[in-house]
mmCIF file of all heavy atoms, coordinates in Angstrom:
data_MODEL
# 
_entry.id   MODEL 
# 
loop_
_atom_site.group_PDB 
_atom_site.id 
_atom_site.type_symbol 
_atom_site.label_atom_id 
_atom_site.label_alt_id 
_atom_site.label_comp_id 
_atom_site.label_asym_id 
_atom_site.label_entity_id 
_atom_site.label_seq_id 
_atom_site.pdbx_PDB_ins_code 
_atom_site.Cartn_x 
_atom_site.Cartn_y 
_atom_site.Cartn_z 
_atom_site.occupancy 
_atom_site.B_iso_or_equiv 
_atom_site.pdbx_formal_charge 
_atom_site.auth_seq_id 
_atom_site.auth_comp_id 
_atom_site.auth_asym_id 
_atom_site.auth_atom_id 
_atom_site.pdbx_PDB_model_num 
ATOM 1   N N   . GLN A 1 1  ? 228.007 -157.803 -122.134 1.00 0.00 ? 1  GLN A N   1 
ATOM 2   C CA  . GLN A 1 1  ? 228.320 -159.104 -121.480 1.00 0.00 ? 1  GLN A CA  1 
ATOM 3   C C   . GLN A 1 1  ? 229.846 -159.330 -121.324 1.00 0.00 ? 1  GLN A C   1 
ATOM 4   O O   . GLN A 1 1  ? 230.330 -159.898 -120.329 1.00 0.00 ? 1  GLN A O   1 
ATOM 5   C CB  . GLN A 1 1  ? 227.714 -160.311 -122.332 1.00 0.00 ? 1  GLN A CB  1 
ATOM 6   C CG  . GLN A 1 1  ? 226.200 -160.309 -122.389 1.00 0.00 ? 1  GLN A CG  1 
ATOM 7   C CD  . GLN A 1 1  ? 225.627 -160.755 -121.059 1.00 0.00 ? 1  GLN A CD  1 
ATOM 8   O OE1 . GLN A 1 1  ? 226.210 -160.628 -120.024 1.00 0.00 ? 1  GLN A OE1 1 
ATOM 9   N NE2 . GLN A 1 1  ? 224.415 -161.297 -121.136 1.00 0.00 ? 1  GLN A NE2 1 
ATOM 10  N N   . SER A 1 2  ? 230.664 -158.888 -122.302 1.00 0.00 ? 2  SER A N   1 
ATOM 11  C CA  . SER A 1 2  ? 232.057 -159.036 -122.229 1.00 0.00 ? 2  SER A CA  1 
ATOM 12  C C   . SER A 1 2  ? 232.853 -157.846 -121.693 1.00 0.00 ? 2  SER A C   1 
ATOM 13  O O   . SER A 1 2  ? 234.050 -157.739 -121.742 1.00 0.00 ? 2  SER A O   1 
ATOM 14  C CB  . SER A 1 2  ? 232.613 -159.419 -123.642 1.00 0.00 ? 2  SER A CB  1 
ATOM 15  O OG  . SER A 1 2  ? 232.285 -158.273 -124.524 1.00 0.00 ? 2  SER A OG  1 
ATOM 16  N N   . SER A 1 3  ? 232.121 -156.804 -121.236 1.00 0.00 ? 3  SER A N   1 
ATOM 17  C CA  . SER A 1 3  ? 232.757 -155.594 -120.781 1.00 0.00 ? 3  SER A CA  1 
ATOM 18  C C   . SER A 1 3  ? 233.247 -155.634 -119.294 1.00 0.00 ? 3  SER A C   1 
ATOM 19  O O   . SER A 1 3  ? 232.818 -156.484 -118.549 1.00 0.00 ? 3  SER A O   1 
ATOM 20  C CB  . SER A 1 3  ? 231.821 -154.417 -120.916 1.00 0.00 ? 3  SER A CB  1 
ATOM 21  O OG  . SER A 1 3  ? 230.672 -154.616 -120.117 1.00 0.00 ? 3  SER A OG  1 
ATOM 22  N N   . SER A 1 4  ? 234.215 -154.749 -119.022 1.00 0.00 ? 4  SER A N   1 
ATOM 23  C CA  . SER A 1 4  ? 234.746 -154.683 -117.678 1.00 0.00 ? 4  SER A CA  1 
ATOM 24  C C   . SER A 1 4  ? 233.757 -154.006 -116.691 1.00 0.00 ? 4  SER A C   1 
ATOM 25  O O   . SER A 1 4  ? 232.878 -153.318 -117.203 1.00 0.00 ? 4  SER A O   1 
ATOM 26  C CB  . SER A 1 4  ? 236.021 -153.867 -117.700 1.00 0.00 ? 4  SER A CB  1 
ATOM 27  O OG  . SER A 1 4  ? 235.824 -152.611 -118.062 1.00 0.00 ? 4  SER A OG  1 
ATOM 28  N N   . PRO A 1 5  ? 233.935 -154.064 -115.388 1.00 0.00 ? 5  PRO A N   1 
ATOM 29  C CA  . PRO A 1 5  ? 233.104 -153.328 -114.461 1.00 0.00 ? 5  PRO A CA  1 
ATOM 30  C C   . PRO A 1 5  ? 233.088 -151.866 -114.717 1.00 0.00 ? 5  PRO A C   1 
ATOM 31  O O   . PRO A 1 5  ? 232.007 -151.186 -114.553 1.00 0.00 ? 5  PRO A O   1 
ATOM 32  C CB  . PRO A 1 5  ? 233.779 -153.674 -113.097 1.00 0.00 ? 5  PRO A CB  1 
ATOM 33  C CG  . PRO A 1 5  ? 234.395 -155.032 -113.253 1.00 0.00 ? 5  PRO A CG  1 
ATOM 34  C CD  . PRO A 1 5  ? 234.872 -154.906 -114.650 1.00 0.00 ? 5  PRO A CD  1 
ATOM 35  N N   . SER A 1 6  ? 234.159 -151.284 -115.137 1.00 0.00 ? 6  SER A N   1 
ATOM 36  C CA  . SER A 1 6  ? 234.230 -149.839 -115.453 1.00 0.00 ? 6  SER A CA  1 
ATOM 37  C C   . SER A 1 6  ? 233.308 -149.456 -116.578 1.00 0.00 ? 6  SER A C   1 
ATOM 38  O O   . SER A 1 6  ? 232.565 -148.532 -116.547 1.00 0.00 ? 6  SER A O   1 
ATOM 39  C CB  . SER A 1 6  ? 235.709 -149.435 -115.656 1.00 0.00 ? 6  SER A CB  1 
ATOM 40  O OG  . SER A 1 6  ? 235.723 -148.093 -116.092 1.00 0.00 ? 6  SER A OG  1 
ATOM 41  N N   . LEU A 1 7  ? 233.417 -150.300 -117.666 1.00 0.00 ? 7  LEU A N   1 
ATOM 42  C CA  . LEU A 1 7  ? 232.541 -149.992 -118.820 1.00 0.00 ? 7  LEU A CA  1 
ATOM 43  C C   . LEU A 1 7  ? 231.073 -150.296 -118.472 1.00 0.00 ? 7  LEU A C   1 
ATOM 44  O O   . LEU A 1 7  ? 230.168 -149.530 -118.931 1.00 0.00 ? 7  LEU A O   1 
ATOM 45  C CB  . LEU A 1 7  ? 233.057 -150.852 -119.980 1.00 0.00 ? 7  LEU A CB  1 
ATOM 46  C CG  . LEU A 1 7  ? 232.212 -150.642 -121.323 1.00 0.00 ? 7  LEU A CG  1 
ATOM 47  C CD1 . LEU A 1 7  ? 232.224 -149.179 -121.760 1.00 0.00 ? 7  LEU A CD1 1 
ATOM 48  C CD2 . LEU A 1 7  ? 232.779 -151.588 -122.438 1.00 0.00 ? 7  LEU A CD2 1 
ATOM 49  N N   . ARG A 1 8  ? 230.803 -151.242 -117.706 1.00 0.00 ? 8  ARG A N   1 
ATOM 50  C CA  . ARG A 1 8  ? 229.482 -151.574 -117.308 1.00 0.00 ? 8  ARG A CA  1 
ATOM 51  C C   . ARG A 1 8  ? 228.863 -150.376 -116.547 1.00 0.00 ? 8  ARG A C   1 
ATOM 52  O O   . ARG A 1 8  ? 227.720 -150.064 -116.735 1.00 0.00 ? 8  ARG A O   1 
ATOM 53  C CB  . ARG A 1 8  ? 229.365 -152.763 -116.494 1.00 0.00 ? 8  ARG A CB  1 
ATOM 54  C CG  . ARG A 1 8  ? 229.690 -154.083 -117.212 1.00 0.00 ? 8  ARG A CG  1 
ATOM 55  C CD  . ARG A 1 8  ? 229.419 -155.329 -116.426 1.00 0.00 ? 8  ARG A CD  1 
ATOM 56  N NE  . ARG A 1 8  ? 229.575 -156.508 -117.236 1.00 0.00 ? 8  ARG A NE  1 
ATOM 57  C CZ  . ARG A 1 8  ? 229.191 -157.740 -116.898 1.00 0.00 ? 8  ARG A CZ  1 
ATOM 58  N NH1 . ARG A 1 8  ? 228.586 -157.926 -115.747 1.00 0.00 ? 8  ARG A NH1 1 
ATOM 59  N NH2 . ARG A 1 8  ? 229.349 -158.778 -117.770 1.00 0.00 ? 8  ARG A NH2 1 
ATOM 60  N N   . GLN A 1 9  ? 229.693 -149.757 -115.729 1.00 0.00 ? 9  GLN A N   1 
ATOM 61  C CA  . GLN A 1 9  ? 229.190 -148.572 -114.962 1.00 0.00 ? 9  GLN A CA  1 
ATOM 62  C C   . GLN A 1 9  ? 228.906 -147.395 -115.965 1.00 0.00 ? 9  GLN A C   1 
ATOM 63  O O   . GLN A 1 9  ? 228.015 -146.717 -115.718 1.00 0.00 ? 9  GLN A O   1 
ATOM 64  C CB  . GLN A 1 9  ? 230.223 -148.155 -113.897 1.00 0.00 ? 9  GLN A CB  1 
ATOM 65  C CG  . GLN A 1 9  ? 229.827 -147.039 -113.009 1.00 0.00 ? 9  GLN A CG  1 
ATOM 66  C CD  . GLN A 1 9  ? 228.513 -147.289 -112.251 1.00 0.00 ? 9  GLN A CD  1 
ATOM 67  O OE1 . GLN A 1 9  ? 228.358 -148.415 -111.787 1.00 0.00 ? 9  GLN A OE1 1 
ATOM 68  N NE2 . GLN A 1 9  ? 227.574 -146.369 -112.253 1.00 0.00 ? 9  GLN A NE2 1 
ATOM 69  N N   . SER A 1 10 ? 229.742 -147.288 -117.026 1.00 0.00 ? 10 SER A N   1 
ATOM 70  C CA  . SER A 1 10 ? 229.475 -146.273 -117.947 1.00 0.00 ? 10 SER A CA  1 
ATOM 71  C C   . SER A 1 10 ? 228.141 -146.485 -118.735 1.00 0.00 ? 10 SER A C   1 
ATOM 72  O O   . SER A 1 10 ? 227.388 -145.519 -118.963 1.00 0.00 ? 10 SER A O   1 
ATOM 73  C CB  . SER A 1 10 ? 230.641 -146.276 -119.020 1.00 0.00 ? 10 SER A CB  1 
ATOM 74  O OG  . SER A 1 10 ? 231.815 -145.882 -118.387 1.00 0.00 ? 10 SER A OG  1 
ATOM 75  N N   . PHE A 1 11 ? 227.920 -147.760 -119.049 1.00 0.00 ? 11 PHE A N   1 
ATOM 76  C CA  . PHE A 1 11 ? 226.571 -148.071 -119.625 1.00 0.00 ? 11 PHE A CA  1 
ATOM 77  C C   . PHE A 1 11 ? 225.413 -147.654 -118.711 1.00 0.00 ? 11 PHE A C   1 
ATOM 78  O O   . PHE A 1 11 ? 224.472 -146.988 -119.141 1.00 0.00 ? 11 PHE A O   1 
ATOM 79  C CB  . PHE A 1 11 ? 226.524 -149.588 -119.937 1.00 0.00 ? 11 PHE A CB  1 
ATOM 80  C CG  . PHE A 1 11 ? 227.063 -149.973 -121.286 1.00 0.00 ? 11 PHE A CG  1 
ATOM 81  C CD1 . PHE A 1 11 ? 228.215 -150.772 -121.392 1.00 0.00 ? 11 PHE A CD1 1 
ATOM 82  C CD2 . PHE A 1 11 ? 226.465 -149.580 -122.460 1.00 0.00 ? 11 PHE A CD2 1 
ATOM 83  C CE1 . PHE A 1 11 ? 228.614 -151.145 -122.677 1.00 0.00 ? 11 PHE A CE1 1 
ATOM 84  C CE2 . PHE A 1 11 ? 226.873 -149.948 -123.759 1.00 0.00 ? 11 PHE A CE2 1 
ATOM 85  C CZ  . PHE A 1 11 ? 228.002 -150.750 -123.789 1.00 0.00 ? 11 PHE A CZ  1 
ATOM 86  N N   . TYR A 1 12 ? 225.576 -148.020 -117.492 1.00 0.00 ? 12 TYR A N   1 
ATOM 87  C CA  . TYR A 1 12 ? 224.558 -147.780 -116.500 1.00 0.00 ? 12 TYR A CA  1 
ATOM 88  C C   . TYR A 1 12 ? 224.301 -146.252 -116.333 1.00 0.00 ? 12 TYR A C   1 
ATOM 89  O O   . TYR A 1 12 ? 223.197 -145.746 -116.277 1.00 0.00 ? 12 TYR A O   1 
ATOM 90  C CB  . TYR A 1 12 ? 224.794 -148.434 -115.136 1.00 0.00 ? 12 TYR A CB  1 
ATOM 91  C CG  . TYR A 1 12 ? 223.739 -148.184 -114.147 1.00 0.00 ? 12 TYR A CG  1 
ATOM 92  C CD1 . TYR A 1 12 ? 222.451 -148.741 -114.269 1.00 0.00 ? 12 TYR A CD1 1 
ATOM 93  C CD2 . TYR A 1 12 ? 224.032 -147.409 -112.970 1.00 0.00 ? 12 TYR A CD2 1 
ATOM 94  C CE1 . TYR A 1 12 ? 221.510 -148.586 -113.255 1.00 0.00 ? 12 TYR A CE1 1 
ATOM 95  C CE2 . TYR A 1 12 ? 222.990 -147.210 -112.015 1.00 0.00 ? 12 TYR A CE2 1 
ATOM 96  C CZ  . TYR A 1 12 ? 221.773 -147.784 -112.178 1.00 0.00 ? 12 TYR A CZ  1 
ATOM 97  O OH  . TYR A 1 12 ? 220.753 -147.547 -111.215 1.00 0.00 ? 12 TYR A OH  1 
ATOM 98  N N   . SER A 1 13 ? 225.350 -145.510 -116.318 1.00 0.00 ? 13 SER A N   1 
ATOM 99  C CA  . SER A 1 13 ? 225.212 -144.047 -116.128 1.00 0.00 ? 13 SER A CA  1 
ATOM 100 C C   . SER A 1 13 ? 224.511 -143.408 -117.336 1.00 0.00 ? 13 SER A C   1 
ATOM 101 O O   . SER A 1 13 ? 223.615 -142.537 -117.152 1.00 0.00 ? 13 SER A O   1 
ATOM 102 C CB  . SER A 1 13 ? 226.652 -143.395 -115.995 1.00 0.00 ? 13 SER A CB  1 
ATOM 103 O OG  . SER A 1 13 ? 227.320 -143.865 -114.862 1.00 0.00 ? 13 SER A OG  1 
ATOM 104 N N   . VAL A 1 14 ? 224.801 -143.869 -118.560 1.00 0.00 ? 14 VAL A N   1 
ATOM 105 C CA  . VAL A 1 14 ? 224.199 -143.362 -119.728 1.00 0.00 ? 14 VAL A CA  1 
ATOM 106 C C   . VAL A 1 14 ? 222.640 -143.714 -119.705 1.00 0.00 ? 14 VAL A C   1 
ATOM 107 O O   . VAL A 1 14 ? 221.767 -142.944 -120.087 1.00 0.00 ? 14 VAL A O   1 
ATOM 108 C CB  . VAL A 1 14 ? 224.770 -143.934 -121.088 1.00 0.00 ? 14 VAL A CB  1 
ATOM 109 C CG1 . VAL A 1 14 ? 224.038 -143.471 -122.219 1.00 0.00 ? 14 VAL A CG1 1 
ATOM 110 C CG2 . VAL A 1 14 ? 226.192 -143.392 -121.130 1.00 0.00 ? 14 VAL A CG2 1 
ATOM 111 N N   . ILE A 1 15 ? 222.342 -144.924 -119.311 1.00 0.00 ? 15 ILE A N   1 
ATOM 112 C CA  . ILE A 1 15 ? 220.942 -145.404 -119.235 1.00 0.00 ? 15 ILE A CA  1 
ATOM 113 C C   . ILE A 1 15 ? 220.208 -144.537 -118.217 1.00 0.00 ? 15 ILE A C   1 
ATOM 114 O O   . ILE A 1 15 ? 219.085 -144.129 -118.464 1.00 0.00 ? 15 ILE A O   1 
ATOM 115 C CB  . ILE A 1 15 ? 220.903 -146.852 -118.886 1.00 0.00 ? 15 ILE A CB  1 
ATOM 116 C CG1 . ILE A 1 15 ? 221.427 -147.766 -120.004 1.00 0.00 ? 15 ILE A CG1 1 
ATOM 117 C CG2 . ILE A 1 15 ? 219.436 -147.299 -118.665 1.00 0.00 ? 15 ILE A CG2 1 
ATOM 118 C CD1 . ILE A 1 15 ? 221.732 -149.118 -119.585 1.00 0.00 ? 15 ILE A CD1 1 
ATOM 119 N N   . CYS A 1 16 ? 220.809 -144.238 -117.020 1.00 0.00 ? 16 CYS A N   1 
ATOM 120 C CA  . CYS A 1 16 ? 220.193 -143.365 -116.033 1.00 0.00 ? 16 CYS A CA  1 
ATOM 121 C C   . CYS A 1 16 ? 219.953 -141.990 -116.619 1.00 0.00 ? 16 CYS A C   1 
ATOM 122 O O   . CYS A 1 16 ? 218.916 -141.310 -116.340 1.00 0.00 ? 16 CYS A O   1 
ATOM 123 C CB  . CYS A 1 16 ? 221.098 -143.309 -114.818 1.00 0.00 ? 16 CYS A CB  1 
ATOM 124 S SG  . CYS A 1 16 ? 221.186 -144.798 -113.842 1.00 0.00 ? 16 CYS A SG  1 
ATOM 125 N N   . ARG A 1 17 ? 220.873 -141.549 -117.477 1.00 0.00 ? 17 ARG A N   1 
ATOM 126 C CA  . ARG A 1 17 ? 220.679 -140.175 -118.026 1.00 0.00 ? 17 ARG A CA  1 
ATOM 127 C C   . ARG A 1 17 ? 219.511 -140.240 -118.968 1.00 0.00 ? 17 ARG A C   1 
ATOM 128 O O   . ARG A 1 17 ? 218.733 -139.234 -119.063 1.00 0.00 ? 17 ARG A O   1 
ATOM 129 C CB  . ARG A 1 17 ? 221.976 -139.865 -118.827 1.00 0.00 ? 17 ARG A CB  1 
ATOM 130 C CG  . ARG A 1 17 ? 221.916 -138.442 -119.391 1.00 0.00 ? 17 ARG A CG  1 
ATOM 131 C CD  . ARG A 1 17 ? 221.892 -137.386 -118.176 1.00 0.00 ? 17 ARG A CD  1 
ATOM 132 N NE  . ARG A 1 17 ? 221.500 -136.171 -118.743 1.00 0.00 ? 17 ARG A NE  1 
ATOM 133 C CZ  . ARG A 1 17 ? 220.825 -135.262 -117.994 1.00 0.00 ? 17 ARG A CZ  1 
ATOM 134 N NH1 . ARG A 1 17 ? 220.599 -135.508 -116.650 1.00 0.00 ? 17 ARG A NH1 1 
ATOM 135 N NH2 . ARG A 1 17 ? 220.430 -134.064 -118.500 1.00 0.00 ? 17 ARG A NH2 1 
ATOM 136 N N   . VAL A 1 18 ? 219.258 -141.283 -119.693 1.00 0.00 ? 18 VAL A N   1 
ATOM 137 C CA  . VAL A 1 18 ? 218.130 -141.402 -120.597 1.00 0.00 ? 18 VAL A CA  1 
ATOM 138 C C   . VAL A 1 18 ? 216.807 -141.285 -119.743 1.00 0.00 ? 18 VAL A C   1 
ATOM 139 O O   . VAL A 1 18 ? 215.920 -140.566 -120.051 1.00 0.00 ? 18 VAL A O   1 
ATOM 140 C CB  . VAL A 1 18 ? 218.155 -142.754 -121.340 1.00 0.00 ? 18 VAL A CB  1 
ATOM 141 C CG1 . VAL A 1 18 ? 216.822 -142.940 -122.058 1.00 0.00 ? 18 VAL A CG1 1 
ATOM 142 C CG2 . VAL A 1 18 ? 219.301 -142.757 -122.293 1.00 0.00 ? 18 VAL A CG2 1 
ATOM 143 N N   . ALA A 1 19 ? 216.870 -141.966 -118.589 1.00 0.00 ? 19 ALA A N   1 
ATOM 144 C CA  . ALA A 1 19 ? 215.635 -141.920 -117.678 1.00 0.00 ? 19 ALA A CA  1 
ATOM 145 C C   . ALA A 1 19 ? 215.405 -140.531 -117.240 1.00 0.00 ? 19 ALA A C   1 
ATOM 146 O O   . ALA A 1 19 ? 214.203 -140.090 -117.214 1.00 0.00 ? 19 ALA A O   1 
ATOM 147 C CB  . ALA A 1 19 ? 215.862 -142.930 -116.562 1.00 0.00 ? 19 ALA A CB  1 
ATOM 148 N N   . THR A 1 20 ? 216.448 -139.906 -116.787 1.00 0.00 ? 20 THR A N   1 
ATOM 149 C CA  . THR A 1 20 ? 216.303 -138.488 -116.204 1.00 0.00 ? 20 THR A CA  1 
ATOM 150 C C   . THR A 1 20 ? 215.817 -137.601 -117.250 1.00 0.00 ? 20 THR A C   1 
ATOM 151 O O   . THR A 1 20 ? 214.901 -136.695 -116.955 1.00 0.00 ? 20 THR A O   1 
ATOM 152 C CB  . THR A 1 20 ? 217.710 -138.012 -115.676 1.00 0.00 ? 20 THR A CB  1 
ATOM 153 O OG1 . THR A 1 20 ? 218.126 -138.864 -114.680 1.00 0.00 ? 20 THR A OG1 1 
ATOM 154 C CG2 . THR A 1 20 ? 217.538 -136.555 -115.118 1.00 0.00 ? 20 THR A CG2 1 
ATOM 155 N N   . ILE A 1 21 ? 216.346 -137.660 -118.456 1.00 0.00 ? 21 ILE A N   1 
ATOM 156 C CA  . ILE A 1 21 ? 215.900 -136.694 -119.513 1.00 0.00 ? 21 ILE A CA  1 
ATOM 157 C C   . ILE A 1 21 ? 214.440 -136.963 -119.854 1.00 0.00 ? 21 ILE A C   1 
ATOM 158 O O   . ILE A 1 21 ? 213.670 -136.032 -120.107 1.00 0.00 ? 21 ILE A O   1 
ATOM 159 C CB  . ILE A 1 21 ? 216.783 -136.919 -120.772 1.00 0.00 ? 21 ILE A CB  1 
ATOM 160 C CG1 . ILE A 1 21 ? 218.151 -136.250 -120.557 1.00 0.00 ? 21 ILE A CG1 1 
ATOM 161 C CG2 . ILE A 1 21 ? 216.161 -136.200 -122.029 1.00 0.00 ? 21 ILE A CG2 1 
ATOM 162 C CD1 . ILE A 1 21 ? 219.104 -136.399 -121.699 1.00 0.00 ? 21 ILE A CD1 1 
ATOM 163 N N   . LEU A 1 22 ? 213.986 -138.179 -119.948 1.00 0.00 ? 22 LEU A N   1 
ATOM 164 C CA  . LEU A 1 22 ? 212.570 -138.507 -120.195 1.00 0.00 ? 22 LEU A CA  1 
ATOM 165 C C   . LEU A 1 22 ? 211.784 -137.887 -119.124 1.00 0.00 ? 22 LEU A C   1 
ATOM 166 O O   . LEU A 1 22 ? 210.601 -137.332 -119.461 1.00 0.00 ? 22 LEU A O   1 
ATOM 167 C CB  . LEU A 1 22 ? 212.380 -140.001 -120.265 1.00 0.00 ? 22 LEU A CB  1 
ATOM 168 C CG  . LEU A 1 22 ? 212.901 -140.745 -121.581 1.00 0.00 ? 22 LEU A CG  1 
ATOM 169 C CD1 . LEU A 1 22 ? 212.726 -142.212 -121.438 1.00 0.00 ? 22 LEU A CD1 1 
ATOM 170 C CD2 . LEU A 1 22 ? 212.071 -140.164 -122.735 1.00 0.00 ? 22 LEU A CD2 1 
ATOM 171 N N   . LYS A 1 23 ? 212.097 -138.068 -117.863 1.00 0.00 ? 23 LYS A N   1 
ATOM 172 C CA  . LYS A 1 23 ? 211.232 -137.617 -116.810 1.00 0.00 ? 23 LYS A CA  1 
ATOM 173 C C   . LYS A 1 23 ? 211.266 -136.035 -116.625 1.00 0.00 ? 23 LYS A C   1 
ATOM 174 O O   . LYS A 1 23 ? 210.318 -135.503 -116.204 1.00 0.00 ? 23 LYS A O   1 
ATOM 175 C CB  . LYS A 1 23 ? 211.727 -138.195 -115.492 1.00 0.00 ? 23 LYS A CB  1 
ATOM 176 C CG  . LYS A 1 23 ? 211.399 -139.696 -115.318 1.00 0.00 ? 23 LYS A CG  1 
ATOM 177 C CD  . LYS A 1 23 ? 211.708 -140.185 -113.949 1.00 0.00 ? 23 LYS A CD  1 
ATOM 178 C CE  . LYS A 1 23 ? 213.210 -140.434 -113.799 1.00 0.00 ? 23 LYS A CE  1 
ATOM 179 N NZ  . LYS A 1 23 ? 213.500 -141.104 -112.490 1.00 0.00 ? 23 LYS A NZ  1 
ATOM 180 N N   . SER A 1 24 ? 212.340 -135.409 -117.094 1.00 0.00 ? 24 SER A N   1 
ATOM 181 C CA  . SER A 1 24 ? 212.470 -133.984 -116.864 1.00 0.00 ? 24 SER A CA  1 
ATOM 182 C C   . SER A 1 24 ? 212.219 -133.087 -118.043 1.00 0.00 ? 24 SER A C   1 
ATOM 183 O O   . SER A 1 24 ? 212.089 -131.897 -118.000 1.00 0.00 ? 24 SER A O   1 
ATOM 184 C CB  . SER A 1 24 ? 213.737 -133.711 -116.245 1.00 0.00 ? 24 SER A CB  1 
ATOM 185 O OG  . SER A 1 24 ? 214.818 -134.018 -117.060 1.00 0.00 ? 24 SER A OG  1 
ATOM 186 N N   . ARG A 1 25 ? 212.237 -133.772 -119.288 1.00 0.00 ? 25 ARG A N   1 
ATOM 187 C CA  . ARG A 1 25 ? 212.224 -132.947 -120.463 1.00 0.00 ? 25 ARG A CA  1 
ATOM 188 C C   . ARG A 1 25 ? 211.297 -133.385 -121.604 1.00 0.00 ? 25 ARG A C   1 
ATOM 189 O O   . ARG A 1 25 ? 210.555 -132.582 -122.118 1.00 0.00 ? 25 ARG A O   1 
ATOM 190 C CB  . ARG A 1 25 ? 213.622 -132.900 -121.027 1.00 0.00 ? 25 ARG A CB  1 
ATOM 191 C CG  . ARG A 1 25 ? 213.943 -131.779 -121.973 1.00 0.00 ? 25 ARG A CG  1 
ATOM 192 C CD  . ARG A 1 25 ? 215.377 -131.791 -122.477 1.00 0.00 ? 25 ARG A CD  1 
ATOM 193 N NE  . ARG A 1 25 ? 216.357 -131.789 -121.313 1.00 0.00 ? 25 ARG A NE  1 
ATOM 194 C CZ  . ARG A 1 25 ? 217.606 -131.890 -121.463 1.00 0.00 ? 25 ARG A CZ  1 
ATOM 195 N NH1 . ARG A 1 25 ? 218.095 -132.055 -122.623 1.00 0.00 ? 25 ARG A NH1 1 
ATOM 196 N NH2 . ARG A 1 25 ? 218.392 -131.774 -120.367 1.00 0.00 ? 25 ARG A NH2 1 
ATOM 197 N N   . TYR A 1 26 ? 211.312 -134.623 -121.977 1.00 0.00 ? 26 TYR A N   1 
ATOM 198 C CA  . TYR A 1 26 ? 210.560 -135.091 -123.167 1.00 0.00 ? 26 TYR A CA  1 
ATOM 199 C C   . TYR A 1 26 ? 209.281 -135.902 -122.765 1.00 0.00 ? 26 TYR A C   1 
ATOM 200 O O   . TYR A 1 26 ? 209.386 -136.711 -121.860 1.00 0.00 ? 26 TYR A O   1 
ATOM 201 C CB  . TYR A 1 26 ? 211.452 -136.027 -123.980 1.00 0.00 ? 26 TYR A CB  1 
ATOM 202 C CG  . TYR A 1 26 ? 212.730 -135.388 -124.502 1.00 0.00 ? 26 TYR A CG  1 
ATOM 203 C CD1 . TYR A 1 26 ? 213.851 -136.140 -124.784 1.00 0.00 ? 26 TYR A CD1 1 
ATOM 204 C CD2 . TYR A 1 26 ? 212.741 -134.023 -124.680 1.00 0.00 ? 26 TYR A CD2 1 
ATOM 205 C CE1 . TYR A 1 26 ? 215.052 -135.584 -125.227 1.00 0.00 ? 26 TYR A CE1 1 
ATOM 206 C CE2 . TYR A 1 26 ? 213.980 -133.442 -125.121 1.00 0.00 ? 26 TYR A CE2 1 
ATOM 207 C CZ  . TYR A 1 26 ? 215.122 -134.155 -125.366 1.00 0.00 ? 26 TYR A CZ  1 
ATOM 208 O OH  . TYR A 1 26 ? 216.221 -133.704 -125.793 1.00 0.00 ? 26 TYR A OH  1 
ATOM 209 N N   . THR A 1 27 ? 208.212 -135.632 -123.408 1.00 0.00 ? 27 THR A N   1 
ATOM 210 C CA  . THR A 1 27 ? 206.983 -136.283 -123.020 1.00 0.00 ? 27 THR A CA  1 
ATOM 211 C C   . THR A 1 27 ? 206.304 -137.033 -124.265 1.00 0.00 ? 27 THR A C   1 
ATOM 212 O O   . THR A 1 27 ? 205.395 -137.784 -124.042 1.00 0.00 ? 27 THR A O   1 
ATOM 213 C CB  . THR A 1 27 ? 205.891 -135.172 -122.619 1.00 0.00 ? 27 THR A CB  1 
ATOM 214 O OG1 . THR A 1 27 ? 205.684 -134.196 -123.624 1.00 0.00 ? 27 THR A OG1 1 
ATOM 215 C CG2 . THR A 1 27 ? 206.358 -134.508 -121.333 1.00 0.00 ? 27 THR A CG2 1 
ATOM 216 N N   . ALA A 1 28 ? 206.825 -136.820 -125.432 1.00 0.00 ? 28 ALA A N   1 
ATOM 217 C CA  . ALA A 1 28 ? 206.222 -137.394 -126.663 1.00 0.00 ? 28 ALA A CA  1 
ATOM 218 C C   . ALA A 1 28 ? 206.281 -138.970 -126.563 1.00 0.00 ? 28 ALA A C   1 
ATOM 219 O O   . ALA A 1 28 ? 207.405 -139.508 -126.090 1.00 0.00 ? 28 ALA A O   1 
ATOM 220 C CB  . ALA A 1 28 ? 206.894 -136.983 -127.941 1.00 0.00 ? 28 ALA A CB  1 
ATOM 221 N N   . PRO A 1 29 ? 205.288 -139.704 -126.945 1.00 0.00 ? 29 PRO A N   1 
ATOM 222 C CA  . PRO A 1 29 ? 205.267 -141.206 -126.852 1.00 0.00 ? 29 PRO A CA  1 
ATOM 223 C C   . PRO A 1 29 ? 206.477 -141.797 -127.547 1.00 0.00 ? 29 PRO A C   1 
ATOM 224 O O   . PRO A 1 29 ? 207.051 -142.797 -127.063 1.00 0.00 ? 29 PRO A O   1 
ATOM 225 C CB  . PRO A 1 29 ? 203.964 -141.573 -127.525 1.00 0.00 ? 29 PRO A CB  1 
ATOM 226 C CG  . PRO A 1 29 ? 203.108 -140.405 -127.386 1.00 0.00 ? 29 PRO A CG  1 
ATOM 227 C CD  . PRO A 1 29 ? 204.009 -139.186 -127.490 1.00 0.00 ? 29 PRO A CD  1 
# 
């Protein structure tokens, strides 16, 4: 909430990476 646009983009990039890894690599619940 208190982060700059640059840091917010870093957060979003890491979250997208989590999504990609789940879809392409990990299947456990």
